[in-house]
């Protein structure tokens, strides 16, 4: 039972990773590409690692998969935020079709 659930989580994780990579190619600017890579790849990679844990159980491989899962959950959103903030501060403009630029509005209000 655990192997079937683990295998399905691995397949779902691979699909999420593929969609994140597709978003890197298809989206128009840095910020939407970061959103695709951070969210899809985080969910995909965590799905793969949790599926691996379910398949392997509490072995050395399973525990390492859980540790990697926690590390990715903690670092991926923070690094994506830091990259986006650094890109914005260095002058990378959002796509012309961007509807909301709340960081720019907040920065303009502080001047």
PDB file of N, CA and C in Angstrom:
ATOM      1  N   UNK A   1       0.821  -1.201   0.000  1.00  0.00           N
ATOM      2  CA  UNK A   1       0.000   0.000   0.000  1.00  0.00           C
ATOM      3  C   UNK A   1       0.864   1.264   0.000  1.00  0.00           C
ATOM      4  N   UNK A   2       1.888   1.283   0.883  1.00  0.00           N
ATOM      5  CA  UNK A   2       2.776   2.444   0.929  1.00  0.00           C
ATOM      6  C   UNK A   2       3.529   2.625  -0.379  1.00  0.00           C
ATOM      7  N   UNK A   3       3.887   1.523  -1.027  1.00  0.00           N
ATOM      8  CA  UNK A   3       4.624   1.626  -2.285  1.00  0.00           C
ATOM      9  C   UNK A   3       3.754   2.211  -3.386  1.00  0.00           C
ATOM     10  N   UNK A   4       2.477   1.860  -3.401  1.00  0.00           N
ATOM     11  CA  UNK A   4       1.572   2.404  -4.418  1.00  0.00           C
ATOM     12  C   UNK A   4       1.368   3.910  -4.209  1.00  0.00           C
ATOM     13  N   UNK A   5       1.152   4.309  -2.967  1.00  0.00           N
ATOM     14  CA  UNK A   5       0.978   5.738  -2.670  1.00  0.00           C
ATOM     15  C   UNK A   5       2.276   6.486  -2.939  1.00  0.00           C
ATOM     16  N   UNK A   6       3.401   5.910  -2.536  1.00  0.00           N
ATOM     17  CA  UNK A   6       4.698   6.540  -2.777  1.00  0.00           C
ATOM     18  C   UNK A   6       4.993   6.684  -4.258  1.00  0.00           C
ATOM     19  N   UNK A   7       4.690   5.655  -5.025  1.00  0.00           N
ATOM     20  CA  UNK A   7       4.924   5.722  -6.469  1.00  0.00           C
ATOM     21  C   UNK A   7       4.036   6.765  -7.130  1.00  0.00           C
ATOM     22  N   UNK A   8       2.790   6.867  -6.682  1.00  0.00           N
ATOM     23  CA  UNK A   8       1.909   7.894  -7.262  1.00  0.00           C
ATOM     24  C   UNK A   8       2.375   9.294  -6.875  1.00  0.00           C
ATOM     25  N   UNK A   9       2.879   9.468  -5.655  1.00  0.00           N
ATOM     26  CA  UNK A   9       3.426  10.776  -5.265  1.00  0.00           C
ATOM     27  C   UNK A   9       4.665  11.119  -6.093  1.00  0.00           C
ATOM     28  N   UNK A  10       5.471  10.134  -6.404  1.00  0.00           N
ATOM     29  CA  UNK A  10       6.647  10.383  -7.241  1.00  0.00           C
ATOM     30  C   UNK A  10       6.222  10.807  -8.634  1.00  0.00           C
ATOM     31  N   UNK A  11       5.212  10.161  -9.191  1.00  0.00           N
ATOM     32  CA  UNK A  11       4.724  10.531 -10.527  1.00  0.00           C
ATOM     33  C   UNK A  11       4.126  11.933 -10.508  1.00  0.00           C
ATOM     34  N   UNK A  12       3.340  12.238  -9.495  1.00  0.00           N
ATOM     35  CA  UNK A  12       2.763  13.582  -9.376  1.00  0.00           C
ATOM     36  C   UNK A  12       3.871  14.624  -9.211  1.00  0.00           C
ATOM     37  N   UNK A  13       4.900  14.303  -8.441  1.00  0.00           N
ATOM     38  CA  UNK A  13       6.028  15.214  -8.270  1.00  0.00           C
ATOM     39  C   UNK A  13       6.767  15.468  -9.567  1.00  0.00           C
ATOM     40  N   UNK A  14       6.943  14.433 -10.366  1.00  0.00           N
ATOM     41  CA  UNK A  14       7.603  14.610 -11.658  1.00  0.00           C
ATOM     42  C   UNK A  14       6.762  15.497 -12.569  1.00  0.00           C
ATOM     43  N   UNK A  15       5.443  15.329 -12.514  1.00  0.00           N
ATOM     44  CA  UNK A  15       4.560  16.190 -13.327  1.00  0.00           C
ATOM     45  C   UNK A  15       4.684  17.643 -12.874  1.00  0.00           C
ATOM     46  N   UNK A  16       4.692  17.885 -11.566  1.00  0.00           N
ATOM     47  CA  UNK A  16       4.859  19.255 -11.064  1.00  0.00           C
ATOM     48  C   UNK A  16       6.215  19.832 -11.478  1.00  0.00           C
ATOM     49  N   UNK A  17       7.261  19.032 -11.403  1.00  0.00           N
ATOM     50  CA  UNK A  17       8.578  19.505 -11.832  1.00  0.00           C
ATOM     51  C   UNK A  17       8.574  19.849 -13.318  1.00  0.00           C
ATOM     52  N   UNK A  18       7.935  19.018 -14.118  1.00  0.00           N
ATOM     53  CA  UNK A  18       7.851  19.295 -15.550  1.00  0.00           C
ATOM     54  C   UNK A  18       7.091  20.593 -15.816  1.00  0.00           C
ATOM     55  N   UNK A  19       5.990  20.797 -15.115  1.00  0.00           N
ATOM     56  CA  UNK A  19       5.222  22.034 -15.304  1.00  0.00           C
ATOM     57  C   UNK A  19       6.015  23.259 -14.855  1.00  0.00           C
ATOM     58  N   UNK A  20       6.807  23.119 -13.801  1.00  0.00           N
ATOM     59  CA  UNK A  20       7.662  24.222 -13.370  1.00  0.00           C
ATOM     60  C   UNK A  20       8.711  24.554 -14.412  1.00  0.00           C
ATOM     61  N   UNK A  21       9.294  23.532 -15.021  1.00  0.00           N
ATOM     62  CA  UNK A  21      10.273  23.766 -16.093  1.00  0.00           C
ATOM     63  C   UNK A  21       9.611  24.375 -17.310  1.00  0.00           C
ATOM     64  N   UNK A  22       8.405  23.948 -17.612  1.00  0.00           N
ATOM     65  CA  UNK A  22       7.670  24.533 -18.727  1.00  0.00           C
ATOM     66  C   UNK A  22       7.365  26.007 -18.452  1.00  0.00           C
ATOM     67  N   UNK A  23       7.060  26.352 -17.203  1.00  0.00           N
ATOM     68  CA  UNK A  23       6.821  27.738 -16.826  1.00  0.00           C
ATOM     69  C   UNK A  23       8.063  28.596 -16.984  1.00  0.00           C
ATOM     70  N   UNK A  24       9.236  28.011 -16.737  1.00  0.00           N
ATOM     71  CA  UNK A  24      10.483  28.752 -16.941  1.00  0.00           C
ATOM     72  C   UNK A  24      10.660  29.153 -18.395  1.00  0.00           C
ATOM     73  N   UNK A  25      10.201  28.321 -19.285  1.00  0.00           N
ATOM     74  CA  UNK A  25      10.363  28.596 -20.714  1.00  0.00           C
ATOM     75  C   UNK A  25       9.258  29.510 -21.232  1.00  0.00           C
ATOM     76  N   UNK A  26       8.038  29.348 -20.741  1.00  0.00           N
ATOM     77  CA  UNK A  26       6.886  30.016 -21.323  1.00  0.00           C
ATOM     78  C   UNK A  26       6.544  31.391 -20.741  1.00  0.00           C
ATOM     79  N   UNK A  27       6.817  31.634 -19.482  1.00  0.00           N
ATOM     80  CA  UNK A  27       6.385  32.883 -18.868  1.00  0.00           C
ATOM     81  C   UNK A  27       7.246  34.054 -19.327  1.00  0.00           C
ATOM     82  N   UNK A  28       6.681  35.280 -19.314  1.00  0.00           N
ATOM     83  CA  UNK A  28       7.331  36.401 -19.987  1.00  0.00           C
ATOM     84  C   UNK A  28       8.441  37.115 -19.220  1.00  0.00           C
ATOM     85  N   UNK A  29       8.442  37.115 -17.904  1.00  0.00           N
ATOM     86  CA  UNK A  29       9.451  37.908 -17.203  1.00  0.00           C
ATOM     87  C   UNK A  29      10.025  37.128 -16.018  1.00  0.00           C
ATOM     88  N   UNK A  30      10.993  37.747 -15.366  1.00  0.00           N
ATOM     89  CA  UNK A  30      11.719  37.112 -14.273  1.00  0.00           C
ATOM     90  C   UNK A  30      10.793  36.732 -13.122  1.00  0.00           C
ATOM     91  N   UNK A  31       9.853  37.591 -12.816  1.00  0.00           N
ATOM     92  CA  UNK A  31       9.024  37.394 -11.631  1.00  0.00           C
ATOM     93  C   UNK A  31       8.045  36.235 -11.795  1.00  0.00           C
ATOM     94  N   UNK A  32       7.415  36.120 -12.943  1.00  0.00           N
ATOM     95  CA  UNK A  32       6.506  34.996 -13.168  1.00  0.00           C
ATOM     96  C   UNK A  32       7.290  33.694 -13.326  1.00  0.00           C
ATOM     97  N   UNK A  33       8.483  33.775 -13.876  1.00  0.00           N
ATOM     98  CA  UNK A  33       9.325  32.576 -13.976  1.00  0.00           C
ATOM     99  C   UNK A  33       9.756  32.103 -12.592  1.00  0.00           C
ATOM    100  N   UNK A  34      10.087  33.045 -11.725  1.00  0.00           N
ATOM    101  CA  UNK A  34      10.433  32.674 -10.349  1.00  0.00           C
ATOM    102  C   UNK A  34       9.256  32.043  -9.625  1.00  0.00           C
ATOM    103  N   UNK A  35       8.068  32.561  -9.869  1.00  0.00           N
ATOM    104  CA  UNK A  35       6.875  32.004  -9.243  1.00  0.00           C
ATOM    105  C   UNK A  35       6.673  30.564  -9.701  1.00  0.00           C
ATOM    106  N   UNK A  36       6.821  30.336 -10.998  1.00  0.00           N
ATOM    107  CA  UNK A  36       6.635  28.975 -11.520  1.00  0.00           C
ATOM    108  C   UNK A  36       7.682  28.026 -10.970  1.00  0.00           C
ATOM    109  N   UNK A  37       8.919  28.475 -10.969  1.00  0.00           N
ATOM    110  CA  UNK A  37       9.977  27.570 -10.512  1.00  0.00           C
ATOM    111  C   UNK A  37       9.894  27.332  -9.008  1.00  0.00           C
ATOM    112  N   UNK A  38       9.608  28.360  -8.237  1.00  0.00           N
ATOM    113  CA  UNK A  38       9.590  28.201  -6.778  1.00  0.00           C
ATOM    114  C   UNK A  38       8.435  27.323  -6.323  1.00  0.00           C
ATOM    115  N   UNK A  39       7.254  27.577  -6.843  1.00  0.00           N
ATOM    116  CA  UNK A  39       6.087  26.836  -6.348  1.00  0.00           C
ATOM    117  C   UNK A  39       5.997  25.443  -6.943  1.00  0.00           C
ATOM    118  N   UNK A  40       6.091  25.342  -8.252  1.00  0.00           N
ATOM    119  CA  UNK A  40       5.934  24.024  -8.874  1.00  0.00           C
ATOM    120  C   UNK A  40       7.088  23.090  -8.538  1.00  0.00           C
ATOM    121  N   UNK A  41       8.279  23.593  -8.607  1.00  0.00           N
ATOM    122  CA  UNK A  41       9.424  22.723  -8.349  1.00  0.00           C
ATOM    123  C   UNK A  41       9.505  22.367  -6.858  1.00  0.00           C
ATOM    124  N   UNK A  42       9.124  23.280  -5.978  1.00  0.00           N
ATOM    125  CA  UNK A  42       9.101  22.940  -4.556  1.00  0.00           C
ATOM    126  C   UNK A  42       8.080  21.841  -4.292  1.00  0.00           C
ATOM    127  N   UNK A  43       6.878  22.005  -4.810  1.00  0.00           N
ATOM    128  CA  UNK A  43       5.863  20.969  -4.614  1.00  0.00           C
ATOM    129  C   UNK A  43       6.266  19.661  -5.283  1.00  0.00           C
ATOM    130  N   UNK A  44       6.820  19.756  -6.486  1.00  0.00           N
ATOM    131  CA  UNK A  44       7.217  18.557  -7.209  1.00  0.00           C
ATOM    132  C   UNK A  44       8.334  17.805  -6.522  1.00  0.00           C
ATOM    133  N   UNK A  45       9.364  18.522  -6.136  1.00  0.00           N
ATOM    134  CA  UNK A  45      10.502  17.879  -5.491  1.00  0.00           C
ATOM    135  C   UNK A  45      10.106  17.327  -4.126  1.00  0.00           C
ATOM    136  N   UNK A  46       9.280  18.053  -3.393  1.00  0.00           N
ATOM    137  CA  UNK A  46       8.820  17.531  -2.100  1.00  0.00           C
ATOM    138  C   UNK A  46       7.935  16.306  -2.295  1.00  0.00           C
ATOM    139  N   UNK A  47       7.130  16.285  -3.346  1.00  0.00           N
ATOM    140  CA  UNK A  47       6.328  15.099  -3.644  1.00  0.00           C
ATOM    141  C   UNK A  47       7.201  13.898  -3.955  1.00  0.00           C
ATOM    142  N   UNK A  48       8.244  14.123  -4.748  1.00  0.00           N
ATOM    143  CA  UNK A  48       9.166  13.036  -5.075  1.00  0.00           C
ATOM    144  C   UNK A  48       9.862  12.524  -3.815  1.00  0.00           C
ATOM    145  N   UNK A  49      10.343  13.434  -2.994  1.00  0.00           N
ATOM    146  CA  UNK A  49      11.058  13.025  -1.784  1.00  0.00           C
ATOM    147  C   UNK A  49      10.146  12.329  -0.769  1.00  0.00           C
ATOM    148  N   UNK A  50       8.913  12.821  -0.628  1.00  0.00           N
ATOM    149  CA  UNK A  50       7.996  12.163   0.300  1.00  0.00           C
ATOM    150  C   UNK A  50       7.575  10.795  -0.241  1.00  0.00           C
ATOM    151  N   UNK A  51       7.393  10.705  -1.557  1.00  0.00           N
ATOM    152  CA  UNK A  51       7.107   9.408  -2.159  1.00  0.00           C
ATOM    153  C   UNK A  51       8.250   8.432  -1.955  1.00  0.00           C
ATOM    154  N   UNK A  52       9.477   8.924  -2.084  1.00  0.00           N
ATOM    155  CA  UNK A  52      10.640   8.080  -1.826  1.00  0.00           C
ATOM    156  C   UNK A  52      10.661   7.607  -0.372  1.00  0.00           C
ATOM    157  N   UNK A  53      10.302   8.514   0.543  1.00  0.00           N
ATOM    158  CA  UNK A  53      10.238   8.124   1.956  1.00  0.00           C
ATOM    159  C   UNK A  53       9.190   7.029   2.171  1.00  0.00           C
ATOM    160  N   UNK A  54       8.024   7.167   1.522  1.00  0.00           N
ATOM    161  CA  UNK A  54       6.991   6.150   1.695  1.00  0.00           C
ATOM    162  C   UNK A  54       7.428   4.801   1.120  1.00  0.00           C
ATOM    163  N   UNK A  55       8.165   4.841   0.030  1.00  0.00           N
ATOM    164  CA  UNK A  55       8.627   3.591  -0.580  1.00  0.00           C
ATOM    165  C   UNK A  55       9.718   2.949   0.267  1.00  0.00           C
ATOM    166  N   UNK A  56      10.682   3.738   0.726  1.00  0.00           N
ATOM    167  CA  UNK A  56      11.835   3.195   1.459  1.00  0.00           C
ATOM    168  C   UNK A  56      11.584   3.013   2.951  1.00  0.00           C
ATOM    169  N   UNK A  57      10.683   3.794   3.525  1.00  0.00           N
ATOM    170  CA  UNK A  57      10.407   3.679   4.955  1.00  0.00           C
ATOM    171  C   UNK A  57      11.478   4.367   5.794  1.00  0.00           C
ATOM    172  N   UNK A  58      11.586   3.951   7.051  1.00  0.00           N
ATOM    173  CA  UNK A  58      12.544   4.565   7.969  1.00  0.00           C
ATOM    174  C   UNK A  58      13.923   3.928   7.839  1.00  0.00           C
ATOM    175  N   UNK A  59      14.431   3.916   6.616  1.00  0.00           N
ATOM    176  CA  UNK A  59      15.799   3.478   6.376  1.00  0.00           C
ATOM    177  C   UNK A  59      16.675   4.723   6.263  1.00  0.00           C
ATOM    178  N   UNK A  60      17.951   4.518   6.005  1.00  0.00           N
ATOM    179  CA  UNK A  60      18.851   5.665   5.847  1.00  0.00           C
ATOM    180  C   UNK A  60      18.415   6.524   4.661  1.00  0.00           C
ATOM    181  N   UNK A  61      17.996   5.887   3.580  1.00  0.00           N
ATOM    182  CA  UNK A  61      17.547   6.627   2.398  1.00  0.00           C
ATOM    183  C   UNK A  61      16.273   7.406   2.686  1.00  0.00           C
ATOM    184  N   UNK A  62      15.332   6.803   3.397  1.00  0.00           N
ATOM    185  CA  UNK A  62      14.082   7.476   3.720  1.00  0.00           C
ATOM    186  C   UNK A  62      14.270   8.673   4.632  1.00  0.00           C
ATOM    187  N   UNK A  63      15.134   8.532   5.622  1.00  0.00           N
ATOM    188  CA  UNK A  63      15.392   9.643   6.548  1.00  0.00           C
ATOM    189  C   UNK A  63      16.107  10.782   5.821  1.00  0.00           C
ATOM    190  N   UNK A  64      17.039  10.436   4.938  1.00  0.00           N
ATOM    191  CA  UNK A  64      17.717  11.477   4.153  1.00  0.00           C
ATOM    192  C   UNK A  64      16.732  12.200   3.242  1.00  0.00           C
ATOM    193  N   UNK A  65      15.775  11.462   2.682  1.00  0.00           N
ATOM    194  CA  UNK A  65      14.752  12.093   1.843  1.00  0.00           C
ATOM    195  C   UNK A  65      13.919  13.069   2.662  1.00  0.00           C
ATOM    196  N   UNK A  66      13.563  12.697   3.894  1.00  0.00           N
ATOM    197  CA  UNK A  66      12.807  13.613   4.757  1.00  0.00           C
ATOM    198  C   UNK A  66      13.616  14.851   5.116  1.00  0.00           C
ATOM    199  N   UNK A  67      14.891  14.677   5.402  1.00  0.00           N
ATOM    200  CA  UNK A  67      15.744  15.829   5.718  1.00  0.00           C
ATOM    201  C   UNK A  67      15.859  16.765   4.513  1.00  0.00           C
ATOM    202  N   UNK A  68      16.018  16.204   3.336  1.00  0.00           N
ATOM    203  CA  UNK A  68      16.081  17.031   2.123  1.00  0.00           C
ATOM    204  C   UNK A  68      14.758  17.741   1.880  1.00  0.00           C
ATOM    205  N   UNK A  69      13.647  17.068   2.154  1.00  0.00           N
ATOM    206  CA  UNK A  69      12.331  17.671   1.991  1.00  0.00           C
ATOM    207  C   UNK A  69      12.183  18.895   2.891  1.00  0.00           C
ATOM    208  N   UNK A  70      12.565  18.766   4.140  1.00  0.00           N
ATOM    209  CA  UNK A  70      12.477  19.896   5.082  1.00  0.00           C
ATOM    210  C   UNK A  70      13.387  21.031   4.625  1.00  0.00           C
ATOM    211  N   UNK A  71      14.597  20.700   4.179  1.00  0.00           N
ATOM    212  CA  UNK A  71      15.526  21.720   3.712  1.00  0.00           C
ATOM    213  C   UNK A  71      14.958  22.479   2.515  1.00  0.00           C
ATOM    214  N   UNK A  72      14.373  21.773   1.568  1.00  0.00           N
ATOM    215  CA  UNK A  72      13.799  22.425   0.386  1.00  0.00           C
ATOM    216  C   UNK A  72      12.595  23.275   0.768  1.00  0.00           C
ATOM    217  N   UNK A  73      11.752  22.771   1.663  1.00  0.00           N
ATOM    218  CA  UNK A  73      10.596  23.557   2.098  1.00  0.00           C
ATOM    219  C   UNK A  73      11.004  24.858   2.789  1.00  0.00           C
ATOM    220  N   UNK A  74      12.122  24.838   3.486  1.00  0.00           N
ATOM    221  CA  UNK A  74      12.572  26.039   4.192  1.00  0.00           C
ATOM    222  C   UNK A  74      13.332  27.010   3.291  1.00  0.00           C
ATOM    223  N   UNK A  75      14.107  26.509   2.354  1.00  0.00           N
ATOM    224  CA  UNK A  75      15.004  27.382   1.601  1.00  0.00           C
ATOM    225  C   UNK A  75      14.468  27.846   0.246  1.00  0.00           C
ATOM    226  N   UNK A  76      13.656  27.061  -0.400  1.00  0.00           N
ATOM    227  CA  UNK A  76      13.207  27.428  -1.743  1.00  0.00           C
ATOM    228  C   UNK A  76      12.361  28.710  -1.770  1.00  0.00           C
ATOM    229  N   UNK A  77      11.343  28.857  -0.922  1.00  0.00           N
ATOM    230  CA  UNK A  77      10.581  30.109  -0.951  1.00  0.00           C
ATOM    231  C   UNK A  77      11.418  31.329  -0.556  1.00  0.00           C
ATOM    232  N   UNK A  78      12.325  31.149   0.396  1.00  0.00           N
ATOM    233  CA  UNK A  78      13.163  32.267   0.846  1.00  0.00           C
ATOM    234  C   UNK A  78      14.110  32.698  -0.275  1.00  0.00           C
ATOM    235  N   UNK A  79      14.706  31.732  -0.951  1.00  0.00           N
ATOM    236  CA  UNK A  79      15.635  32.082  -2.035  1.00  0.00           C
ATOM    237  C   UNK A  79      14.893  32.715  -3.207  1.00  0.00           C
ATOM    238  N   UNK A  80      13.690  32.243  -3.520  1.00  0.00           N
ATOM    239  CA  UNK A  80      12.920  32.851  -4.603  1.00  0.00           C
ATOM    240  C   UNK A  80      12.544  34.289  -4.258  1.00  0.00           C
ATOM    241  N   UNK A  81      12.178  34.527  -3.005  1.00  0.00           N
ATOM    242  CA  UNK A  81      11.854  35.890  -2.582  1.00  0.00           C
ATOM    243  C   UNK A  81      13.081  36.796  -2.661  1.00  0.00           C
ATOM    244  N   UNK A  82      14.222  36.293  -2.226  1.00  0.00           N
ATOM    245  CA  UNK A  82      15.448  37.095  -2.276  1.00  0.00           C
ATOM    246  C   UNK A  82      15.843  37.400  -3.717  1.00  0.00           C
ATOM    247  N   UNK A  83      15.703  36.436  -4.611  1.00  0.00           N
ATOM    248  CA  UNK A  83      16.011  36.674  -6.023  1.00  0.00           C
ATOM    249  C   UNK A  83      15.067  37.702  -6.637  1.00  0.00           C
ATOM    250  N   UNK A  84      13.780  37.595  -6.326  1.00  0.00           N
ATOM    251  CA  UNK A  84      12.812  38.548  -6.876  1.00  0.00           C
ATOM    252  C   UNK A  84      13.055  39.959  -6.341  1.00  0.00           C
ATOM    253  N   UNK A  85      13.335  40.066  -5.066  1.00  0.00           N
ATOM    254  CA  UNK A  85      13.584  41.385  -4.471  1.00  0.00           C
ATOM    255  C   UNK A  85      14.875  41.987  -5.031  1.00  0.00           C
ATOM    256  N   UNK A  86      15.893  41.166  -5.198  1.00  0.00           N
ATOM    257  CA  UNK A  86      17.139  41.647  -5.787  1.00  0.00           C
ATOM    258  C   UNK A  86      16.964  42.071  -7.232  1.00  0.00           C
ATOM    259  N   UNK A  87      16.166  41.323  -7.986  1.00  0.00           N
ATOM    260  CA  UNK A  87      15.905  41.695  -9.376  1.00  0.00           C
ATOM    261  C   UNK A  87      15.146  43.012  -9.438  1.00  0.00           C
ATOM    262  N   UNK A  88      14.172  43.193  -8.541  1.00  0.00           N
ATOM    263  CA  UNK A  88      13.402  44.434  -8.540  1.00  0.00           C
ATOM    264  C   UNK A  88      14.273  45.626  -8.161  1.00  0.00           C
ATOM    265  N   UNK A  89      15.094  45.446  -7.156  1.00  0.00           N
ATOM    266  CA  UNK A  89      15.959  46.555  -6.717  1.00  0.00           C
ATOM    267  C   UNK A  89      17.037  46.890  -7.737  1.00  0.00           C
ATOM    268  N   UNK A  90      17.436  45.916  -8.542  1.00  0.00           N
ATOM    269  CA  UNK A  90      18.455  46.199  -9.553  1.00  0.00           C
ATOM    270  C   UNK A  90      17.853  46.781 -10.825  1.00  0.00           C
ATOM    271  N   UNK A  91      16.541  46.932 -10.860  1.00  0.00           N
ATOM    272  CA  UNK A  91      15.917  47.636 -11.968  1.00  0.00           C
ATOM    273  C   UNK A  91      15.275  46.756 -13.022  1.00  0.00           C
ATOM    274  N   UNK A  92      15.113  45.486 -12.787  1.00  0.00           N
ATOM    275  CA  UNK A  92      14.444  44.619 -13.753  1.00  0.00           C
ATOM    276  C   UNK A  92      12.957  44.944 -13.710  1.00  0.00           C
ATOM    277  N   UNK A  93      12.437  45.388 -14.845  1.00  0.00           N
ATOM    278  CA  UNK A  93      11.039  45.814 -14.920  1.00  0.00           C
ATOM    279  C   UNK A  93      10.116  44.610 -15.074  1.00  0.00           C
ATOM    280  N   UNK A  94       8.934  44.679 -14.446  1.00  0.00           N
ATOM    281  CA  UNK A  94       7.941  43.622 -14.669  1.00  0.00           C
ATOM    282  C   UNK A  94       7.412  43.673 -16.100  1.00  0.00           C
ATOM    283  N   UNK A  95       6.763  42.621 -16.487  1.00  0.00           N
ATOM    284  CA  UNK A  95       6.150  42.514 -17.807  1.00  0.00           C
ATOM    285  C   UNK A  95       5.121  43.622 -17.986  1.00  0.00           C
ATOM    286  N   UNK A  96       4.932  44.081 -19.238  1.00  0.00           N
ATOM    287  CA  UNK A  96       3.987  45.181 -19.507  1.00  0.00           C
ATOM    288  C   UNK A  96       2.563  44.844 -19.086  1.00  0.00           C
ATOM    289  N   UNK A  97       2.196  43.573 -19.127  1.00  0.00           N
ATOM    290  CA  UNK A  97       0.850  43.151 -18.773  1.00  0.00           C
ATOM    291  C   UNK A  97       0.635  42.935 -17.287  1.00  0.00           C
ATOM    292  N   UNK A  98       1.614  43.275 -16.471  1.00  0.00           N
ATOM    293  CA  UNK A  98       1.475  43.094 -15.029  1.00  0.00           C
ATOM    294  C   UNK A  98       0.404  44.032 -14.495  1.00  0.00           C
ATOM    295  N   UNK A  99      -0.526  43.493 -13.735  1.00  0.00           N
ATOM    296  CA  UNK A  99      -1.657  44.274 -13.244  1.00  0.00           C
ATOM    297  C   UNK A  99      -1.314  44.962 -11.929  1.00  0.00           C
ATOM    298  N   UNK A 100      -0.645  44.263 -11.016  1.00  0.00           N
ATOM    299  CA  UNK A 100      -0.356  44.807  -9.692  1.00  0.00           C
ATOM    300  C   UNK A 100       1.148  44.782  -9.465  1.00  0.00           C
ATOM    301  N   UNK A 101       1.672  45.913  -9.009  1.00  0.00           N
ATOM    302  CA  UNK A 101       3.070  46.001  -8.601  1.00  0.00           C
ATOM    303  C   UNK A 101       3.093  46.550  -7.182  1.00  0.00           C
ATOM    304  N   UNK A 102       2.731  45.722  -6.234  1.00  0.00           N
ATOM    305  CA  UNK A 102       2.569  46.187  -4.857  1.00  0.00           C
ATOM    306  C   UNK A 102       3.899  46.587  -4.238  1.00  0.00           C
ATOM    307  N   UNK A 103       4.974  45.910  -4.589  1.00  0.00           N
ATOM    308  CA  UNK A 103       6.276  46.286  -4.038  1.00  0.00           C
ATOM    309  C   UNK A 103       6.660  47.680  -4.526  1.00  0.00           C
ATOM    310  N   UNK A 104       6.385  47.990  -5.775  1.00  0.00           N
ATOM    311  CA  UNK A 104       6.661  49.320  -6.311  1.00  0.00           C
ATOM    312  C   UNK A 104       5.788  50.381  -5.674  1.00  0.00           C
ATOM    313  N   UNK A 105       4.524  50.037  -5.412  1.00  0.00           N
ATOM    314  CA  UNK A 105       3.619  50.972  -4.745  1.00  0.00           C
ATOM    315  C   UNK A 105       4.068  51.241  -3.310  1.00  0.00           C
ATOM    316  N   UNK A 106       4.503  50.193  -2.615  1.00  0.00           N
ATOM    317  CA  UNK A 106       4.996  50.376  -1.251  1.00  0.00           C
ATOM    318  C   UNK A 106       6.272  51.202  -1.227  1.00  0.00           C
ATOM    319  N   UNK A 107       7.175  50.964  -2.180  1.00  0.00           N
ATOM    320  CA  UNK A 107       8.423  51.714  -2.246  1.00  0.00           C
ATOM    321  C   UNK A 107       8.153  53.174  -2.598  1.00  0.00           C
ATOM    322  N   UNK A 108       7.177  53.435  -3.456  1.00  0.00           N
ATOM    323  CA  UNK A 108       6.843  54.808  -3.842  1.00  0.00           C
ATOM    324  C   UNK A 108       6.218  55.566  -2.683  1.00  0.00           C
ATOM    325  N   UNK A 109       5.479  54.869  -1.835  1.00  0.00           N
ATOM    326  CA  UNK A 109       4.824  55.509  -0.689  1.00  0.00           C
ATOM    327  C   UNK A 109       5.817  55.888   0.407  1.00  0.00           C
ATOM    328  N   UNK A 110       6.963  55.249   0.454  1.00  0.00           N
ATOM    329  CA  UNK A 110       7.953  55.533   1.495  1.00  0.00           C
ATOM    330  C   UNK A 110       8.841  56.716   1.151  1.00  0.00           C
ATOM    331  N   UNK A 111       8.819  57.153  -0.092  1.00  0.00           N
ATOM    332  CA  UNK A 111       9.711  58.249  -0.511  1.00  0.00           C
ATOM    333  C   UNK A 111       9.284  59.561   0.027  1.00  0.00           C
TER     334      UNK A 111
END
